[in-house]
Every structure is written in structure tokens, then in C-alpha cells.
C-alpha atoms as a PDB file:
ATOM      1  CA  MET A   1      62.382 202.574  79.559  1.00  0.00           C
ATOM      2  CA  GLN A   2      60.643 205.755  79.544  1.00  0.00           C
ATOM      3  CA  LEU A   3      64.029 207.473  78.749  1.00  0.00           C
ATOM      4  CA  LEU A   4      64.513 205.203  75.813  1.00  0.00           C
ATOM      5  CA  PHE A   5      60.977 205.942  74.369  1.00  0.00           C
ATOM      6  CA  ALA A   6      61.585 209.631  74.684  1.00  0.00           C
ATOM      7  CA  ALA A   7      64.674 209.189  72.614  1.00  0.00           C
ATOM      8  CA  SER A   8      62.313 208.760  69.595  1.00  0.00           C
ATOM      9  CA  GLY A   9      59.761 211.492  70.696  1.00  0.00           C
ATOM     10  CA  SER A  10      56.270 210.997  69.359  1.00  0.00           C
ATOM     11  CA  ARG A  11      57.560 209.140  66.188  1.00  0.00           C
ATOM     12  CA  ALA A  12      55.514 206.008  64.942  1.00  0.00           C
ATOM     13  CA  TRP A  13      56.540 202.657  65.676  1.00  0.00           C
ATOM     14  CA  GLU A  14      57.170 199.847  63.049  1.00  0.00           C
ATOM     15  CA  GLN A  15      56.998 196.377  65.074  1.00  0.00           C
ATOM     16  CA  ASP A  16      57.884 192.868  64.248  1.00  0.00           C
ATOM     17  CA  THR A  17      58.085 189.488  65.881  1.00  0.00           C
ATOM     18  CA  GLN A  18      61.543 187.774  65.419  1.00  0.00           C
ATOM     19  CA  LEU A  19      63.633 184.863  66.626  1.00  0.00           C
ATOM     20  CA  TRP A  20      67.203 185.040  67.485  1.00  0.00           C
ATOM     21  CA  SER A  21      69.191 181.881  68.188  1.00  0.00           C
ATOM     22  CA  VAL A  22      72.716 182.067  69.683  1.00  0.00           C
ATOM     23  CA  LEU A  23      75.529 179.452  69.985  1.00  0.00           C
ATOM     24  CA  LEU A  24      78.370 180.300  72.286  1.00  0.00           C
ATOM     25  CA  ILE A  25      81.624 178.350  72.756  1.00  0.00           C
ATOM     26  CA  GLN A  26      84.470 179.644  75.012  1.00  0.00           C
ATOM     27  CA  GLY A  27      87.293 178.284  77.133  1.00  0.00           C
ATOM     28  CA  ARG A  28      90.876 178.857  78.206  1.00  0.00           C
ATOM     29  CA  VAL A  29      93.626 177.885  75.594  1.00  0.00           C
ATOM     30  CA  HIS A  30      96.825 178.874  77.502  1.00  0.00           C
ATOM     31  CA  ALA A  31      97.335 180.099  81.044  1.00  0.00           C
ATOM     32  CA  ASP A  32      95.226 183.406  81.235  1.00  0.00           C
ATOM     33  CA  TRP A  33      94.177 183.407  77.706  1.00  0.00           C
ATOM     34  CA  ALA A  34      90.930 182.103  76.300  1.00  0.00           C
ATOM     35  CA  ALA A  35      89.011 181.886  73.027  1.00  0.00           C
ATOM     36  CA  TYR A  36      85.373 182.704  72.212  1.00  0.00           C
ATOM     37  CA  LEU A  37      83.107 181.898  69.382  1.00  0.00           C
ATOM     38  CA  GLU A  38      79.541 183.017  68.725  1.00  0.00           C
ATOM     39  CA  VAL A  39      77.226 182.076  65.957  1.00  0.00           C
ATOM     40  CA  GLN A  40      73.916 183.929  65.789  1.00  0.00           C
ATOM     41  CA  PRO A  41      71.149 183.603  62.988  1.00  0.00           C
ATOM     42  CA  ARG A  42      68.033 185.841  63.166  1.00  0.00           C
ATOM     43  CA  TRP A  43      64.665 185.322  61.549  1.00  0.00           C
ATOM     44  CA  ASP A  44      62.323 188.224  61.009  1.00  0.00           C
ATOM     45  CA  GLN A  45      58.753 188.938  59.409  1.00  0.00           C
ATOM     46  CA  ASP A  46      57.183 186.995  62.517  1.00  0.00           C
ATOM     47  CA  ALA A  47      60.153 184.670  62.376  1.00  0.00           C
ATOM     48  CA  SER A  48      59.296 183.252  59.163  1.00  0.00           C
ATOM     49  CA  ARG A  49      62.230 184.629  57.130  1.00  0.00           C
ATOM     50  CA  LEU A  50      66.099 184.393  57.709  1.00  0.00           C
ATOM     51  CA  ASP A  51      67.094 188.022  57.854  1.00  0.00           C
ATOM     52  CA  ARG A  52      70.947 187.767  58.713  1.00  0.00           C
ATOM     53  CA  TRP A  53      73.426 185.831  60.556  1.00  0.00           C
ATOM     54  CA  ILE A  54      76.498 186.804  62.679  1.00  0.00           C
ATOM     55  CA  LEU A  55      79.801 185.073  63.289  1.00  0.00           C
ATOM     56  CA  ARG A  56      81.883 186.543  66.189  1.00  0.00           C
ATOM     57  CA  PRO A  57      85.124 185.305  67.106  1.00  0.00           C
ATOM     58  CA  ALA A  58      87.362 186.694  69.837  1.00  0.00           C
ATOM     59  CA  VAL A  59      90.399 186.069  72.094  1.00  0.00           C
ATOM     60  CA  TYR A  60      90.610 187.390  75.782  1.00  0.00           C
ATOM     61  CA  LEU A  61      92.867 187.791  78.630  1.00  0.00           C
ATOM     62  CA  HIS A  62      91.771 187.259  82.257  1.00  0.00           C
ATOM     63  CA  HIS A  63      93.239 189.917  84.571  1.00  0.00           C
ATOM     64  CA  GLY A  64      92.668 189.076  88.364  1.00  0.00           C
ATOM     65  CA  GLU A  65      89.528 187.550  89.726  1.00  0.00           C
ATOM     66  CA  HIS A  66      86.809 189.565  87.866  1.00  0.00           C
ATOM     67  CA  TRP A  67      88.174 191.429  84.908  1.00  0.00           C
ATOM     68  CA  SER A  68      88.928 190.313  81.309  1.00  0.00           C
ATOM     69  CA  PHE A  69      89.923 192.166  78.262  1.00  0.00           C
ATOM     70  CA  TRP A  70      88.651 191.211  74.660  1.00  0.00           C
ATOM     71  CA  LEU A  71      89.693 191.628  71.020  1.00  0.00           C
ATOM     72  CA  GLY A  72      87.313 190.249  68.452  1.00  0.00           C
ATOM     73  CA  TYR A  73      85.597 190.516  64.993  1.00  0.00           C
ATOM     74  CA  ALA A  74      82.077 190.270  63.791  1.00  0.00           C
ATOM     75  CA  GLY A  75      81.140 189.364  60.369  1.00  0.00           C
ATOM     76  CA  VAL A  76      77.554 190.319  59.875  1.00  0.00           C
ATOM     77  CA  GLU A  77      75.941 189.021  56.628  1.00  0.00           C
ATOM     78  CA  ALA A  78      72.503 190.827  55.812  1.00  0.00           C
ATOM     79  CA  LEU A  79      70.377 188.472  53.644  1.00  0.00           C
ATOM     80  CA  GLN A  80      67.458 191.079  53.135  1.00  0.00           C
ATOM     81  CA  PRO A  81      66.646 192.892  51.067  1.00  0.00           C
ATOM     82  CA  ALA A  82      70.005 191.953  49.356  1.00  0.00           C
ATOM     83  CA  ARG A  83      73.104 190.062  50.534  1.00  0.00           C
ATOM     84  CA  ALA A  84      75.709 192.337  52.220  1.00  0.00           C
ATOM     85  CA  TRP A  85      78.512 191.955  54.646  1.00  0.00           C
ATOM     86  CA  GLU A  86      79.344 194.234  57.429  1.00  0.00           C
ATOM     87  CA  HIS A  87      82.663 193.890  59.109  1.00  0.00           C
ATOM     88  CA  ARG A  88      83.101 194.861  62.725  1.00  0.00           C
ATOM     89  CA  PRO A  89      86.481 194.783  64.810  1.00  0.00           C
ATOM     90  CA  TRP A  90      85.721 195.165  68.407  1.00  0.00           C
ATOM     91  CA  GLN A  91      87.499 195.732  71.744  1.00  0.00           C
ATOM     92  CA  GLN A  92      85.884 194.919  75.084  1.00  0.00           C
ATOM     93  CA  ALA A  93      86.347 195.235  78.860  1.00  0.00           C
ATOM     94  CA  GLN A  94      84.199 192.848  81.084  1.00  0.00           C
ATOM     95  CA  TYR A  95      83.815 192.603  85.018  1.00  0.00           C
ATOM     96  CA  LEU A  96      82.243 189.398  86.162  1.00  0.00           C
ATOM     97  CA  SER A  97      81.463 188.426  89.614  1.00  0.00           C
ATOM     98  CA  VAL A  98      80.288 184.795  90.525  1.00  0.00           C
ATOM     99  CA  THR A  99      79.004 183.809  93.884  1.00  0.00           C
ATOM    100  CA  PRO A 100      76.662 180.675  94.827  1.00  0.00           C
ATOM    101  CA  ASN A 101      73.833 183.139  94.988  1.00  0.00           C
ATOM    102  CA  TRP A 102      74.125 185.137  91.720  1.00  0.00           C
ATOM    103  CA  THR A 103      76.293 186.147  88.867  1.00  0.00           C
ATOM    104  CA  LEU A 104      76.699 189.751  87.736  1.00  0.00           C
ATOM    105  CA  GLN A 105      78.250 190.885  84.580  1.00  0.00           C
ATOM    106  CA  HIS A 106      79.064 194.427  83.194  1.00  0.00           C
ATOM    107  CA  ARG A 107      80.349 194.664  79.498  1.00  0.00           C
ATOM    108  CA  MET A 108      81.840 197.573  77.848  1.00  0.00           C
ATOM    109  CA  ARG A 109      82.428 197.263  74.051  1.00  0.00           C
ATOM    110  CA  LEU A 110      83.602 199.411  71.325  1.00  0.00           C
ATOM    111  CA  GLU A 111      82.904 198.538  67.615  1.00  0.00           C
ATOM    112  CA  GLN A 112      84.337 199.793  64.280  1.00  0.00           C
ATOM    113  CA  ARG A 113      81.653 199.375  61.734  1.00  0.00           C
ATOM    114  CA  PHE A 114      82.550 198.979  57.944  1.00  0.00           C
ATOM    115  CA  ILE A 115      79.135 199.233  56.309  1.00  0.00           C
ATOM    116  CA  PRO A 116      78.821 198.786  52.661  1.00  0.00           C
ATOM    117  CA  GLY A 117      78.239 201.850  50.888  1.00  0.00           C
ATOM    118  CA  VAL A 118      78.835 204.041  53.935  1.00  0.00           C
ATOM    119  CA  ASP A 119      81.925 206.288  54.488  1.00  0.00           C
ATOM    120  CA  PRO A 120      83.463 206.990  56.966  1.00  0.00           C
ATOM    121  CA  MET A 121      83.639 204.017  59.282  1.00  0.00           C
ATOM    122  CA  GLY A 122      81.057 204.128  61.977  1.00  0.00           C
ATOM    123  CA  HIS A 123      82.052 203.903  65.790  1.00  0.00           C
ATOM    124  CA  ARG A 124      79.730 202.516  68.466  1.00  0.00           C
ATOM    125  CA  PHE A 125      79.869 201.938  72.054  1.00  0.00           C
ATOM    126  CA  ARG A 126      77.761 199.263  73.836  1.00  0.00           C
ATOM    127  CA  TYR A 127      77.117 198.738  77.503  1.00  0.00           C
ATOM    128  CA  MET A 128      75.345 195.816  79.077  1.00  0.00           C
ATOM    129  CA  ILE A 129      74.665 194.756  82.569  1.00  0.00           C
ATOM    130  CA  ARG A 130      73.508 191.194  83.025  1.00  0.00           C
ATOM    131  CA  GLY A 131      72.525 189.112  86.107  1.00  0.00           C
ATOM    132  CA  LEU A 132      71.777 185.461  86.836  1.00  0.00           C
ATOM    133  CA  LEU A 133      69.869 184.393  89.914  1.00  0.00           C
ATOM    134  CA  PRO A 134      69.367 180.684  90.556  1.00  0.00           C
ATOM    135  CA  PHE A 135      66.103 179.400  91.837  1.00  0.00           C
ATOM    136  CA  SER A 136      67.890 178.078  94.812  1.00  0.00           C
ATOM    137  CA  ASN A 137      71.655 177.440  95.515  1.00  0.00           C
ATOM    138  CA  GLU A 138      71.453 173.748  94.169  1.00  0.00           C
ATOM    139  CA  SER A 139      69.132 174.327  91.383  1.00  0.00           C
ATOM    140  CA  PRO A 140      70.479 174.111  87.793  1.00  0.00           C
ATOM    141  CA  TRP A 141      67.494 176.629  86.867  1.00  0.00           C
ATOM    142  CA  GLY A 142      67.651 180.473  87.410  1.00  0.00           C
ATOM    143  CA  TRP A 143      66.405 183.837  86.348  1.00  0.00           C
ATOM    144  CA  VAL A 144      68.437 185.598  83.759  1.00  0.00           C
ATOM    145  CA  GLY A 145      68.133 189.382  82.828  1.00  0.00           C
ATOM    146  CA  SER A 146      70.060 191.975  80.977  1.00  0.00           C
ATOM    147  CA  ASN A 147      69.992 195.392  79.435  1.00  0.00           C
ATOM    148  CA  GLU A 148      72.123 196.593  76.722  1.00  0.00           C
ATOM    149  CA  LEU A 149      72.584 200.131  75.384  1.00  0.00           C
ATOM    150  CA  PHE A 150      73.929 201.177  72.199  1.00  0.00           C
ATOM    151  CA  LEU A 151      75.406 204.683  71.479  1.00  0.00           C
ATOM    152  CA  ASN A 152      76.636 205.744  68.161  1.00  0.00           C
ATOM    153  CA  LEU A 153      79.867 207.726  68.423  1.00  0.00           C
ATOM    154  CA  ASN A 154      79.685 209.543  65.110  1.00  0.00           C
ATOM    155  CA  SER A 155      77.278 210.039  62.149  1.00  0.00           C
ATOM    156  CA  PRO A 156      78.608 208.197  59.169  1.00  0.00           C
ATOM    157  CA  SER A 157      75.289 208.494  57.104  1.00  0.00           C
ATOM    158  CA  SER A 158      71.800 209.935  57.298  1.00  0.00           C
ATOM    159  CA  ALA A 159      70.572 206.501  58.743  1.00  0.00           C
ATOM    160  CA  ILE A 160      73.346 206.345  61.311  1.00  0.00           C
ATOM    161  CA  GLN A 161      73.387 209.351  63.663  1.00  0.00           C
ATOM    162  CA  SER A 162      75.399 210.052  66.702  1.00  0.00           C
ATOM    163  CA  GLY A 163      73.650 209.424  70.085  1.00  0.00           C
ATOM    164  CA  PHE A 164      71.163 206.689  70.984  1.00  0.00           C
ATOM    165  CA  ASP A 165      71.220 203.859  68.412  1.00  0.00           C
ATOM    166  CA  GLN A 166      69.157 201.032  70.109  1.00  0.00           C
ATOM    167  CA  ASN A 167      68.401 199.186  73.277  1.00  0.00           C
ATOM    168  CA  ARG A 168      67.951 195.387  74.226  1.00  0.00           C
ATOM    169  CA  ALA A 169      66.291 194.481  77.422  1.00  0.00           C
ATOM    170  CA  PHE A 170      65.924 190.654  78.105  1.00  0.00           C
ATOM    171  CA  LEU A 171      64.244 188.535  80.716  1.00  0.00           C
ATOM    172  CA  GLY A 172      64.074 184.756  80.588  1.00  0.00           C
ATOM    173  CA  VAL A 173      65.258 181.495  82.378  1.00  0.00           C
ATOM    174  CA  SER A 174      68.570 179.542  82.451  1.00  0.00           C
ATOM    175  CA  TRP A 175      69.114 175.867  82.729  1.00  0.00           C
ATOM    176  CA  SER A 176      72.515 174.234  83.476  1.00  0.00           C
ATOM    177  CA  PHE A 177      71.894 170.882  82.247  1.00  0.00           C
ATOM    178  CA  ALA A 178      75.425 169.624  82.412  1.00  0.00           C
ATOM    179  CA  PRO A 179      78.534 171.023  83.940  1.00  0.00           C
ATOM    180  CA  ASP A 180      79.822 172.752  80.842  1.00  0.00           C
ATOM    181  CA  LEU A 181      76.489 173.268  79.091  1.00  0.00           C
ATOM    182  CA  ARG A 182      73.731 175.894  79.668  1.00  0.00           C
ATOM    183  CA  ALA A 183      70.687 176.875  77.849  1.00  0.00           C
ATOM    184  CA  GLU A 184      68.753 180.152  78.128  1.00  0.00           C
ATOM    185  CA  CYS A 185      65.365 181.161  76.585  1.00  0.00           C
ATOM    186  CA  GLY A 186      63.162 184.241  77.050  1.00  0.00           C
ATOM    187  CA  TYR A 187      61.983 187.461  75.802  1.00  0.00           C
ATOM    188  CA  LEU A 188      63.885 190.341  74.321  1.00  0.00           C
ATOM    189  CA  ASN A 189      62.565 193.826  73.665  1.00  0.00           C
ATOM    190  CA  ASN A 190      64.556 195.670  71.005  1.00  0.00           C
ATOM    191  CA  VAL A 191      63.996 199.324  70.403  1.00  0.00           C
ATOM    192  CA  VAL A 192      66.034 200.815  67.349  1.00  0.00           C
ATOM    193  CA  ARG A 193      66.284 204.547  66.225  1.00  0.00           C
ATOM    194  CA  ARG A 194      66.033 204.984  62.622  1.00  0.00           C
ATOM    195  CA  PRO A 195      66.751 208.616  61.755  1.00  0.00           C
ATOM    196  CA  ALA A 196      66.303 208.243  58.088  1.00  0.00           C
ATOM    197  CA  SER A 197      62.919 206.726  58.323  1.00  0.00           C
ATOM    198  CA  PRO A 198      59.557 208.066  59.321  1.00  0.00           C
ATOM    199  CA  GLN A 199      59.116 205.090  61.928  1.00  0.00           C
ATOM    200  CA  ASP A 200      61.428 203.915  64.545  1.00  0.00           C
ATOM    201  CA  ARG A 201      61.343 200.099  65.169  1.00  0.00           C
ATOM    202  CA  MET A 202      60.476 197.830  68.007  1.00  0.00           C
ATOM    203  CA  ASN A 203      61.214 194.159  67.656  1.00  0.00           C
ATOM    204  CA  HIS A 204      59.649 191.470  69.999  1.00  0.00           C
ATOM    205  CA  VAL A 205      62.227 188.782  69.934  1.00  0.00           C
ATOM    206  CA  GLY A 206      62.112 185.213  71.276  1.00  0.00           C
ATOM    207  CA  LEU A 207      65.735 184.537  72.141  1.00  0.00           C
ATOM    208  CA  LEU A 208      67.157 180.861  72.545  1.00  0.00           C
ATOM    209  CA  LEU A 209      70.742 180.464  73.550  1.00  0.00           C
ATOM    210  CA  LEU A 210      73.147 177.564  74.117  1.00  0.00           C
ATOM    211  CA  GLN A 211      76.478 177.977  75.695  1.00  0.00           C
ATOM    212  CA  TRP A 212      79.276 175.529  75.863  1.00  0.00           C
ATOM    213  CA  VAL A 213      82.256 176.154  78.030  1.00  0.00           C
ATOM    214  CA  PRO A 214      84.668 172.998  77.849  1.00  0.00           C
END
């Protein structure tokens, strides 16, 4: 984390408490092909105001035991300070290893960002490592943690500069309360670089997730 704070130097921080909720639905549709849908509303200003919501559908191909390759789209509607849509086609490679004792995921994603009022298109790389450790081999409960690094690959505007963009570090608990249903809750620390502002941003986020894999 010290490296991430160093990316902002001695700049001041603007801080906020937020709530993000995530609904994930995914499952195979034919042979090695699967479909995915994510819906994610987010509340800011001490979790009192709906700030934005994200709709993220995708299809992906399983390759071997561990790898999958994804093609998707994200529609991001910002509601504050004015309503505006950002469109993000994205591509992803994912490595997933599952054992009775733990689950480990590596995710590498490229996004093309079509941002209102910004030209040219933005390009961003995201890398996430994520782990799930059950309390015991038979327990439906477990610890879950992840870290996701965002890097801008170009500088489409003064507010979006190449290099470090943001980081999301998460720690929480997971509950598999049915064979195809799992819930997570925990704390996410979100550090955001803002080149066009005198202050960078740190969001303290309560994260709630529900995943259905029929």
C-alpha cells in the first residue's frame, strides 16, 4: 500500500464512505461457453445518495481446467452531478484454481472507455488477484480478499492521465448458503488518483455481493 500512496505524493485526500452492492449471475450455456451478468448500484456521500450504477454482461470460453477468455461490455450511468453514460467494451483472461482448501483467481482485463466529452477513447488495464479460504473444509463460511490495480494506458484528458489510476483492496467474509448461491460482505479501500484536482480520493466502501451460478 505504501507504493500506492506514493503515487499521489504529498497531495491531500478527499474521503467518502460509500456502499456498493453487486449482483452476479453466471453459468454455462453451451459446451465450454458461458454467460455472465453483473448489476452494480453504488451510493456515495456517506452511502446516502445513489451515485451511479453499472450493467456488465459478457460471454466467455473455458479453456482447459483453469483458464477462461472473456468478451464483454459495461454500461456505466453516472447520476451525479448530471446523468451521463460511459460505454466500455472489455476483454479478459482469467486463471482460476479451486481446491477443497482454497480458491485462487487471477484476472487481467483490458477496457476501452468511451467517456462523454472526452476524445480520444481511453484505454485501461486492470489486474486483480483474489483468494477465498474456507474456515474449514466443510464450512460454508470463509475469508475472502482481493486486490485490483488499475493502470491507464493513455491520456485522453487532463483528468485521465497514463499510469496509476486507482487501487481497490478488499477483505471480507463469504457465505455459501445454497449449492448455487453465495454472499459476500466486507470492507473495500479504494484509492483514486485525480490529476486534474488538488486532492486525490480515498473511498471507504461497504461491499455487499450476491452470486448465483445456476
